Each structure stands twice: as C-alpha cells, then as structure tokens.
Amino acid sequence: QLLNEPAVKTILQNNELLDVVWATVQTNLDDLV
C-alpha cells in the first residue's frame, strides 16, 4: 500500500533522485543508524 501511494510512485520513477538518495545512504549508513 505504501509503494502504491502516488507520491511514492513519483519518487520511484525518478532515477536521478534515487541515485542521489542511495549515494547519500551508502556514504553515511553506519552514522545514520
């Protein structure tokens, strides 16, 4: 249900944003937890 929300679908279709988010998570993963 969460993945089917329109706002979430828009984000999942934005590859540029997903790359930025993923790179940020990877760089700061341990500190984020």
PDB file of all heavy atoms in Angstrom:
ATOM      1  N   GLN A   1       0.829  -1.201   0.000  1.00  0.00           N
ATOM      2  CA  GLN A   1       0.000   0.000   0.000  1.00  0.00           C
ATOM      3  C   GLN A   1       0.866   1.254   0.000  1.00  0.00           C
ATOM      4  O   GLN A   1       0.545   2.237  -0.687  1.00  0.00           O
ATOM      5  CB  GLN A   1      -0.920   0.000   1.223  1.00  0.00           C
ATOM      6  CG  GLN A   1      -1.822   1.234   1.326  1.00  0.00           C
ATOM      7  CD  GLN A   1      -2.716   1.209   2.552  1.00  0.00           C
ATOM      8  OE1 GLN A   1      -2.989   0.145   3.115  1.00  0.00           O
ATOM      9  NE2 GLN A   1      -3.157   2.381   2.973  1.00  0.00           N
ATOM     10  N   LEU A   2       1.950   1.235   0.761  1.00  0.00           N
ATOM     11  CA  LEU A   2       2.839   2.395   0.799  1.00  0.00           C
ATOM     12  C   LEU A   2       3.474   2.646  -0.567  1.00  0.00           C
ATOM     13  O   LEU A   2       3.578   3.788  -1.012  1.00  0.00           O
ATOM     14  CB  LEU A   2       3.927   2.175   1.850  1.00  0.00           C
ATOM     15  CG  LEU A   2       3.467   2.098   3.307  1.00  0.00           C
ATOM     16  CD1 LEU A   2       4.636   1.745   4.213  1.00  0.00           C
ATOM     17  CD2 LEU A   2       2.846   3.408   3.756  1.00  0.00           C
ATOM     18  N   LEU A   3       3.899   1.564  -1.230  1.00  0.00           N
ATOM     19  CA  LEU A   3       4.550   1.720  -2.526  1.00  0.00           C
ATOM     20  C   LEU A   3       3.585   2.175  -3.610  1.00  0.00           C
ATOM     21  O   LEU A   3       4.012   2.717  -4.632  1.00  0.00           O
ATOM     22  CB  LEU A   3       5.204   0.396  -2.936  1.00  0.00           C
ATOM     23  CG  LEU A   3       6.373  -0.075  -2.067  1.00  0.00           C
ATOM     24  CD1 LEU A   3       6.887  -1.425  -2.542  1.00  0.00           C
ATOM     25  CD2 LEU A   3       7.503   0.953  -2.058  1.00  0.00           C
ATOM     26  N   ASN A   4       2.295   1.955  -3.391  1.00  0.00           N
ATOM     27  CA  ASN A   4       1.298   2.361  -4.374  1.00  0.00           C
ATOM     28  C   ASN A   4       0.801   3.788  -4.177  1.00  0.00           C
ATOM     29  O   ASN A   4      -0.014   4.281  -4.972  1.00  0.00           O
ATOM     30  CB  ASN A   4       0.103   1.404  -4.343  1.00  0.00           C
ATOM     31  CG  ASN A   4       0.405   0.095  -5.047  1.00  0.00           C
ATOM     32  OD1 ASN A   4       1.122   0.078  -6.044  1.00  0.00           O
ATOM     33  ND2 ASN A   4      -0.114  -1.008  -4.523  1.00  0.00           N
ATOM     34  N   GLU A   5       1.263   4.456  -3.125  1.00  0.00           N
ATOM     35  CA  GLU A   5       0.894   5.851  -2.931  1.00  0.00           C
ATOM     36  C   GLU A   5       1.454   6.699  -4.078  1.00  0.00           C
ATOM     37  O   GLU A   5       2.614   6.514  -4.476  1.00  0.00           O
ATOM     38  CB  GLU A   5       1.423   6.369  -1.595  1.00  0.00           C
ATOM     39  CG  GLU A   5       0.737   5.790  -0.365  1.00  0.00           C
ATOM     40  CD  GLU A   5      -0.704   6.251  -0.241  1.00  0.00           C
ATOM     41  OE1 GLU A   5      -1.021   7.343  -0.772  1.00  0.00           O
ATOM     42  OE2 GLU A   5      -1.509   5.526   0.358  1.00  0.00           O
ATOM     43  N   PRO A   6       0.661   7.616  -4.635  1.00  0.00           N
ATOM     44  CA  PRO A   6       1.139   8.423  -5.781  1.00  0.00           C
ATOM     45  C   PRO A   6       2.461   9.138  -5.515  1.00  0.00           C
ATOM     46  O   PRO A   6       3.317   9.186  -6.407  1.00  0.00           O
ATOM     47  CB  PRO A   6      -0.005   9.422  -5.988  1.00  0.00           C
ATOM     48  CG  PRO A   6      -1.225   8.722  -5.455  1.00  0.00           C
ATOM     49  CD  PRO A   6      -0.746   7.905  -4.291  1.00  0.00           C
ATOM     50  N   ALA A   7       2.619   9.684  -4.313  1.00  0.00           N
ATOM     51  CA  ALA A   7       3.858  10.411  -4.008  1.00  0.00           C
ATOM     52  C   ALA A   7       5.059   9.476  -4.031  1.00  0.00           C
ATOM     53  O   ALA A   7       6.156   9.859  -4.464  1.00  0.00           O
ATOM     54  CB  ALA A   7       3.750  11.093  -2.642  1.00  0.00           C
ATOM     55  N   VAL A   8       4.871   8.243  -3.573  1.00  0.00           N
ATOM     56  CA  VAL A   8       5.957   7.267  -3.572  1.00  0.00           C
ATOM     57  C   VAL A   8       6.260   6.812  -4.996  1.00  0.00           C
ATOM     58  O   VAL A   8       7.422   6.674  -5.385  1.00  0.00           O
ATOM     59  CB  VAL A   8       5.603   6.064  -2.687  1.00  0.00           C
ATOM     60  CG1 VAL A   8       6.712   5.006  -2.745  1.00  0.00           C
ATOM     61  CG2 VAL A   8       5.383   6.507  -1.243  1.00  0.00           C
ATOM     62  N   LYS A   9       5.220   6.585  -5.785  1.00  0.00           N
ATOM     63  CA  LYS A   9       5.422   6.181  -7.177  1.00  0.00           C
ATOM     64  C   LYS A   9       6.227   7.226  -7.946  1.00  0.00           C
ATOM     65  O   LYS A   9       7.096   6.890  -8.754  1.00  0.00           O
ATOM     66  CB  LYS A   9       4.074   5.957  -7.861  1.00  0.00           C
ATOM     67  CG  LYS A   9       3.369   4.657  -7.474  1.00  0.00           C
ATOM     68  CD  LYS A   9       2.104   4.486  -8.297  1.00  0.00           C
ATOM     69  CE  LYS A   9       1.435   3.157  -8.018  1.00  0.00           C
ATOM     70  NZ  LYS A   9       0.206   2.977  -8.831  1.00  0.00           N
ATOM     71  N   THR A  10       5.934   8.491  -7.693  1.00  0.00           N
ATOM     72  CA  THR A  10       6.666   9.565  -8.365  1.00  0.00           C
ATOM     73  C   THR A  10       8.151   9.501  -8.047  1.00  0.00           C
ATOM     74  O   THR A  10       9.004   9.682  -8.927  1.00  0.00           O
ATOM     75  CB  THR A  10       6.102  10.932  -7.948  1.00  0.00           C
ATOM     76  OG1 THR A  10       4.715  11.005  -8.294  1.00  0.00           O
ATOM     77  CG2 THR A  10       6.851  12.065  -8.631  1.00  0.00           C
ATOM     78  N   ILE A  11       8.464   9.225  -6.785  1.00  0.00           N
ATOM     79  CA  ILE A  11       9.863   9.141  -6.372  1.00  0.00           C
ATOM     80  C   ILE A  11      10.530   7.927  -7.001  1.00  0.00           C
ATOM     81  O   ILE A  11      11.673   8.004  -7.480  1.00  0.00           O
ATOM     82  CB  ILE A  11       9.951   9.085  -4.831  1.00  0.00           C
ATOM     83  CG1 ILE A  11       9.513  10.423  -4.243  1.00  0.00           C
ATOM     84  CG2 ILE A  11      11.367   8.736  -4.382  1.00  0.00           C
ATOM     85  CD1 ILE A  11       9.454  10.427  -2.732  1.00  0.00           C
ATOM     86  N   LEU A  12       9.854   6.789  -7.005  1.00  0.00           N
ATOM     87  CA  LEU A  12      10.428   5.563  -7.549  1.00  0.00           C
ATOM     88  C   LEU A  12      10.692   5.668  -9.039  1.00  0.00           C
ATOM     89  O   LEU A  12      11.537   4.939  -9.582  1.00  0.00           O
ATOM     90  CB  LEU A  12       9.506   4.381  -7.259  1.00  0.00           C
ATOM     91  CG  LEU A  12       9.334   4.006  -5.774  1.00  0.00           C
ATOM     92  CD1 LEU A  12       8.356   2.852  -5.630  1.00  0.00           C
ATOM     93  CD2 LEU A  12      10.676   3.648  -5.153  1.00  0.00           C
ATOM     94  N   GLN A  13       9.973   6.554  -9.723  1.00  0.00           N
ATOM     95  CA  GLN A  13      10.174   6.750 -11.156  1.00  0.00           C
ATOM     96  C   GLN A  13      11.257   7.781 -11.460  1.00  0.00           C
ATOM     97  O   GLN A  13      11.607   7.979 -12.631  1.00  0.00           O
ATOM     98  CB  GLN A  13       8.858   7.174 -11.807  1.00  0.00           C
ATOM     99  CG  GLN A  13       7.776   6.094 -11.758  1.00  0.00           C
ATOM    100  CD  GLN A  13       6.407   6.608 -12.162  1.00  0.00           C
ATOM    101  OE1 GLN A  13       6.234   7.795 -12.427  1.00  0.00           O
ATOM    102  NE2 GLN A  13       5.418   5.726 -12.188  1.00  0.00           N
ATOM    103  N   ASN A  14      11.785   8.410 -10.419  1.00  0.00           N
ATOM    104  CA  ASN A  14      12.802   9.436 -10.593  1.00  0.00           C
ATOM    105  C   ASN A  14      14.181   8.820 -10.328  1.00  0.00           C
ATOM    106  O   ASN A  14      14.649   8.774  -9.194  1.00  0.00           O
ATOM    107  CB  ASN A  14      12.531  10.605  -9.621  1.00  0.00           C
ATOM    108  CG  ASN A  14      13.434  11.792  -9.885  1.00  0.00           C
ATOM    109  OD1 ASN A  14      14.513  11.670 -10.472  1.00  0.00           O
ATOM    110  ND2 ASN A  14      13.003  12.960  -9.432  1.00  0.00           N
ATOM    111  N   ASN A  15      14.819   8.325 -11.372  1.00  0.00           N
ATOM    112  CA  ASN A  15      16.099   7.630 -11.204  1.00  0.00           C
ATOM    113  C   ASN A  15      17.186   8.550 -10.670  1.00  0.00           C
ATOM    114  O   ASN A  15      18.050   8.120  -9.891  1.00  0.00           O
ATOM    115  CB  ASN A  15      16.550   7.025 -12.542  1.00  0.00           C
ATOM    116  CG  ASN A  15      15.660   5.879 -12.980  1.00  0.00           C
ATOM    117  OD1 ASN A  15      15.129   5.138 -12.144  1.00  0.00           O
ATOM    118  ND2 ASN A  15      15.485   5.719 -14.280  1.00  0.00           N
ATOM    119  N   GLU A  16      17.149   9.807 -11.093  1.00  0.00           N
ATOM    120  CA  GLU A  16      18.169  10.754 -10.605  1.00  0.00           C
ATOM    121  C   GLU A  16      18.062  10.938  -9.099  1.00  0.00           C
ATOM    122  O   GLU A  16      19.078  10.920  -8.387  1.00  0.00           O
ATOM    123  CB  GLU A  16      17.985  12.095 -11.332  1.00  0.00           C
ATOM    124  CG  GLU A  16      18.999  13.168 -10.952  1.00  0.00           C
ATOM    125  CD  GLU A  16      18.545  14.030  -9.775  1.00  0.00           C
ATOM    126  OE1 GLU A  16      17.314  14.160  -9.588  1.00  0.00           O
ATOM    127  OE2 GLU A  16      19.413  14.543  -9.040  1.00  0.00           O
ATOM    128  N   LEU A  17      16.849  11.080  -8.594  1.00  0.00           N
ATOM    129  CA  LEU A  17      16.651  11.230  -7.153  1.00  0.00           C
ATOM    130  C   LEU A  17      17.040   9.964  -6.417  1.00  0.00           C
ATOM    131  O   LEU A  17      17.699  10.025  -5.366  1.00  0.00           O
ATOM    132  CB  LEU A  17      15.187  11.578  -6.864  1.00  0.00           C
ATOM    133  CG  LEU A  17      14.780  11.624  -5.384  1.00  0.00           C
ATOM    134  CD1 LEU A  17      15.602  12.653  -4.629  1.00  0.00           C
ATOM    135  CD2 LEU A  17      13.291  11.927  -5.251  1.00  0.00           C
ATOM    136  N   LEU A  18      16.672   8.803  -6.951  1.00  0.00           N
ATOM    137  CA  LEU A  18      17.020   7.540  -6.307  1.00  0.00           C
ATOM    138  C   LEU A  18      18.529   7.367  -6.215  1.00  0.00           C
ATOM    139  O   LEU A  18      19.050   6.881  -5.204  1.00  0.00           O
ATOM    140  CB  LEU A  18      16.405   6.367  -7.074  1.00  0.00           C
ATOM    141  CG  LEU A  18      14.881   6.256  -7.038  1.00  0.00           C
ATOM    142  CD1 LEU A  18      14.423   5.074  -7.882  1.00  0.00           C
ATOM    143  CD2 LEU A  18      14.378   6.107  -5.606  1.00  0.00           C
ATOM    144  N   ASP A  19      19.254   7.769  -7.257  1.00  0.00           N
ATOM    145  CA  ASP A  19      20.716   7.672  -7.228  1.00  0.00           C
ATOM    146  C   ASP A  19      21.303   8.565  -6.142  1.00  0.00           C
ATOM    147  O   ASP A  19      22.239   8.170  -5.432  1.00  0.00           O
ATOM    148  CB  ASP A  19      21.296   8.052  -8.591  1.00  0.00           C
ATOM    149  CG  ASP A  19      21.011   7.005  -9.657  1.00  0.00           C
ATOM    150  OD1 ASP A  19      20.696   5.851  -9.287  1.00  0.00           O
ATOM    151  OD2 ASP A  19      21.092   7.339 -10.861  1.00  0.00           O
ATOM    152  N   VAL A  20      20.750   9.776  -6.018  1.00  0.00           N
ATOM    153  CA  VAL A  20      21.251  10.713  -5.002  1.00  0.00           C
ATOM    154  C   VAL A  20      20.973  10.178  -3.598  1.00  0.00           C
ATOM    155  O   VAL A  20      21.851  10.187  -2.724  1.00  0.00           O
ATOM    156  CB  VAL A  20      20.603  12.103  -5.191  1.00  0.00           C
ATOM    157  CG1 VAL A  20      20.972  13.021  -4.023  1.00  0.00           C
ATOM    158  CG2 VAL A  20      21.044  12.727  -6.500  1.00  0.00           C
ATOM    159  N   VAL A  21      19.754   9.688  -3.386  1.00  0.00           N
ATOM    160  CA  VAL A  21      19.394   9.149  -2.070  1.00  0.00           C
ATOM    161  C   VAL A  21      20.251   7.946  -1.733  1.00  0.00           C
ATOM    162  O   VAL A  21      20.776   7.826  -0.619  1.00  0.00           O
ATOM    163  CB  VAL A  21      17.902   8.773  -2.032  1.00  0.00           C
ATOM    164  CG1 VAL A  21      17.568   8.050  -0.734  1.00  0.00           C
ATOM    165  CG2 VAL A  21      17.032  10.015  -2.172  1.00  0.00           C
ATOM    166  N   TRP A  22      20.423   7.042  -2.704  1.00  0.00           N
ATOM    167  CA  TRP A  22      21.205   5.831  -2.454  1.00  0.00           C
ATOM    168  C   TRP A  22      22.660   6.178  -2.148  1.00  0.00           C
ATOM    169  O   TRP A  22      23.277   5.582  -1.242  1.00  0.00           O
ATOM    170  CB  TRP A  22      21.108   4.903  -3.651  1.00  0.00           C
ATOM    171  CG  TRP A  22      21.970   3.683  -3.549  1.00  0.00           C
ATOM    172  CD1 TRP A  22      22.993   3.317  -4.360  1.00  0.00           C
ATOM    173  CD2 TRP A  22      21.875   2.649  -2.559  1.00  0.00           C
ATOM    174  NE1 TRP A  22      23.544   2.137  -3.952  1.00  0.00           N
ATOM    175  CE2 TRP A  22      22.878   1.698  -2.841  1.00  0.00           C
ATOM    176  CE3 TRP A  22      21.040   2.444  -1.461  1.00  0.00           C
ATOM    177  CZ2 TRP A  22      23.070   0.551  -2.071  1.00  0.00           C
ATOM    178  CZ3 TRP A  22      21.227   1.298  -0.684  1.00  0.00           C
ATOM    179  CH2 TRP A  22      22.231   0.377  -0.991  1.00  0.00           C
ATOM    180  N   ALA A  23      23.232   7.114  -2.897  1.00  0.00           N
ATOM    181  CA  ALA A  23      24.614   7.514  -2.644  1.00  0.00           C
ATOM    182  C   ALA A  23      24.757   8.127  -1.250  1.00  0.00           C
ATOM    183  O   ALA A  23      25.742   7.871  -0.538  1.00  0.00           O
ATOM    184  CB  ALA A  23      25.082   8.507  -3.709  1.00  0.00           C
ATOM    185  N   THR A  24      23.770   8.924  -0.841  1.00  0.00           N
ATOM    186  CA  THR A  24      23.807   9.537   0.487  1.00  0.00           C
ATOM    187  C   THR A  24      23.707   8.480   1.578  1.00  0.00           C
ATOM    188  O   THR A  24      24.431   8.532   2.585  1.00  0.00           O
ATOM    189  CB  THR A  24      22.666  10.554   0.639  1.00  0.00           C
ATOM    190  OG1 THR A  24      22.735  11.510  -0.415  1.00  0.00           O
ATOM    191  CG2 THR A  24      22.751  11.273   1.978  1.00  0.00           C
ATOM    192  N   VAL A  25      22.815   7.513   1.383  1.00  0.00           N
ATOM    193  CA  VAL A  25      22.657   6.442   2.376  1.00  0.00           C
ATOM    194  C   VAL A  25      23.931   5.629   2.477  1.00  0.00           C
ATOM    195  O   VAL A  25      24.408   5.328   3.585  1.00  0.00           O
ATOM    196  CB  VAL A  25      21.467   5.541   2.004  1.00  0.00           C
ATOM    197  CG1 VAL A  25      21.427   4.303   2.896  1.00  0.00           C
ATOM    198  CG2 VAL A  25      20.153   6.306   2.146  1.00  0.00           C
ATOM    199  N   GLN A  26      24.507   5.240   1.338  1.00  0.00           N
ATOM    200  CA  GLN A  26      25.723   4.434   1.345  1.00  0.00           C
ATOM    201  C   GLN A  26      26.861   5.134   2.078  1.00  0.00           C
ATOM    202  O   GLN A  26      27.588   4.505   2.857  1.00  0.00           O
ATOM    203  CB  GLN A  26      26.157   4.130  -0.086  1.00  0.00           C
ATOM    204  CG  GLN A  26      25.454   2.952  -0.730  1.00  0.00           C
ATOM    205  CD  GLN A  26      26.119   2.588  -2.039  1.00  0.00           C
ATOM    206  OE1 GLN A  26      26.268   3.420  -2.938  1.00  0.00           O
ATOM    207  NE2 GLN A  26      26.512   1.340  -2.172  1.00  0.00           N
ATOM    208  N   THR A  27      26.996   6.420   1.831  1.00  0.00           N
ATOM    209  CA  THR A  27      28.113   7.173   2.412  1.00  0.00           C
ATOM    210  C   THR A  27      27.984   7.321   3.920  1.00  0.00           C
ATOM    211  O   THR A  27      28.989   7.381   4.635  1.00  0.00           O
ATOM    212  CB  THR A  27      28.198   8.562   1.760  1.00  0.00           C
ATOM    213  OG1 THR A  27      28.282   8.415   0.340  1.00  0.00           O
ATOM    214  CG2 THR A  27      29.413   9.322   2.258  1.00  0.00           C
ATOM    215  N   ASN A  28      26.757   7.360   4.418  1.00  0.00           N
ATOM    216  CA  ASN A  28      26.539   7.687   5.828  1.00  0.00           C
ATOM    217  C   ASN A  28      25.797   6.580   6.584  1.00  0.00           C
ATOM    218  O   ASN A  28      25.216   6.840   7.641  1.00  0.00           O
ATOM    219  CB  ASN A  28      25.720   8.979   5.938  1.00  0.00           C
ATOM    220  CG  ASN A  28      26.378  10.141   5.219  1.00  0.00           C
ATOM    221  OD1 ASN A  28      27.318  10.741   5.700  1.00  0.00           O
ATOM    222  ND2 ASN A  28      25.866  10.464   4.036  1.00  0.00           N
ATOM    223  N   LEU A  29      25.827   5.353   6.077  1.00  0.00           N
ATOM    224  CA  LEU A  29      24.958   4.297   6.585  1.00  0.00           C
ATOM    225  C   LEU A  29      25.173   4.033   8.078  1.00  0.00           C
ATOM    226  O   LEU A  29      24.217   4.027   8.863  1.00  0.00           O
ATOM    227  CB  LEU A  29      25.174   3.020   5.777  1.00  0.00           C
ATOM    228  CG  LEU A  29      24.220   1.870   6.055  1.00  0.00           C
ATOM    229  CD1 LEU A  29      22.769   2.316   5.931  1.00  0.00           C
ATOM    230  CD2 LEU A  29      24.493   0.719   5.095  1.00  0.00           C
ATOM    231  N   ASP A  30      26.404   3.798   8.484  1.00  0.00           N
ATOM    232  CA  ASP A  30      26.667   3.467   9.888  1.00  0.00           C
ATOM    233  C   ASP A  30      26.311   4.627  10.808  1.00  0.00           C
ATOM    234  O   ASP A  30      25.710   4.435  11.878  1.00  0.00           O
ATOM    235  CB  ASP A  30      28.143   3.079  10.074  1.00  0.00           C
ATOM    236  CG  ASP A  30      28.492   1.778   9.372  1.00  0.00           C
ATOM    237  OD1 ASP A  30      27.583   0.927   9.213  1.00  0.00           O
ATOM    238  OD2 ASP A  30      29.650   1.616   8.959  1.00  0.00           O
ATOM    239  N   ASP A  31      26.673   5.837  10.392  1.00  0.00           N
ATOM    240  CA  ASP A  31      26.374   7.007  11.212  1.00  0.00           C
ATOM    241  C   ASP A  31      24.874   7.242  11.299  1.00  0.00           C
ATOM    242  O   ASP A  31      24.351   7.641  12.345  1.00  0.00           O
ATOM    243  CB  ASP A  31      27.063   8.241  10.615  1.00  0.00           C
ATOM    244  CG  ASP A  31      26.890   9.482  11.467  1.00  0.00           C
ATOM    245  OD1 ASP A  31      27.469   9.543  12.561  1.00  0.00           O
ATOM    246  OD2 ASP A  31      26.144  10.389  11.038  1.00  0.00           O
ATOM    247  N   LEU A  32      24.149   6.977  10.211  1.00  0.00           N
ATOM    248  CA  LEU A  32      22.698   7.158  10.189  1.00  0.00           C
ATOM    249  C   LEU A  32      22.013   6.241  11.193  1.00  0.00           C
ATOM    250  O   LEU A  32      21.093   6.665  11.906  1.00  0.00           O
ATOM    251  CB  LEU A  32      22.162   6.903   8.782  1.00  0.00           C
ATOM    252  CG  LEU A  32      20.644   6.894   8.606  1.00  0.00           C
ATOM    253  CD1 LEU A  32      20.028   8.216   9.040  1.00  0.00           C
ATOM    254  CD2 LEU A  32      20.280   6.598   7.155  1.00  0.00           C
ATOM    255  N   VAL A  33      22.438   4.990  11.265  1.00  0.00           N
ATOM    256  CA  VAL A  33      21.842   4.045  12.210  1.00  0.00           C
ATOM    257  C   VAL A  33      22.073   4.521  13.652  1.00  0.00           C
ATOM    258  O   VAL A  33      21.161   4.486  14.486  1.00  0.00           O
ATOM    259  CB  VAL A  33      22.426   2.641  12.004  1.00  0.00           C
ATOM    260  CG1 VAL A  33      21.942   1.690  13.095  1.00  0.00           C
ATOM    261  CG2 VAL A  33      22.029   2.102  10.629  1.00  0.00           C
TER     262      VAL A  33
END
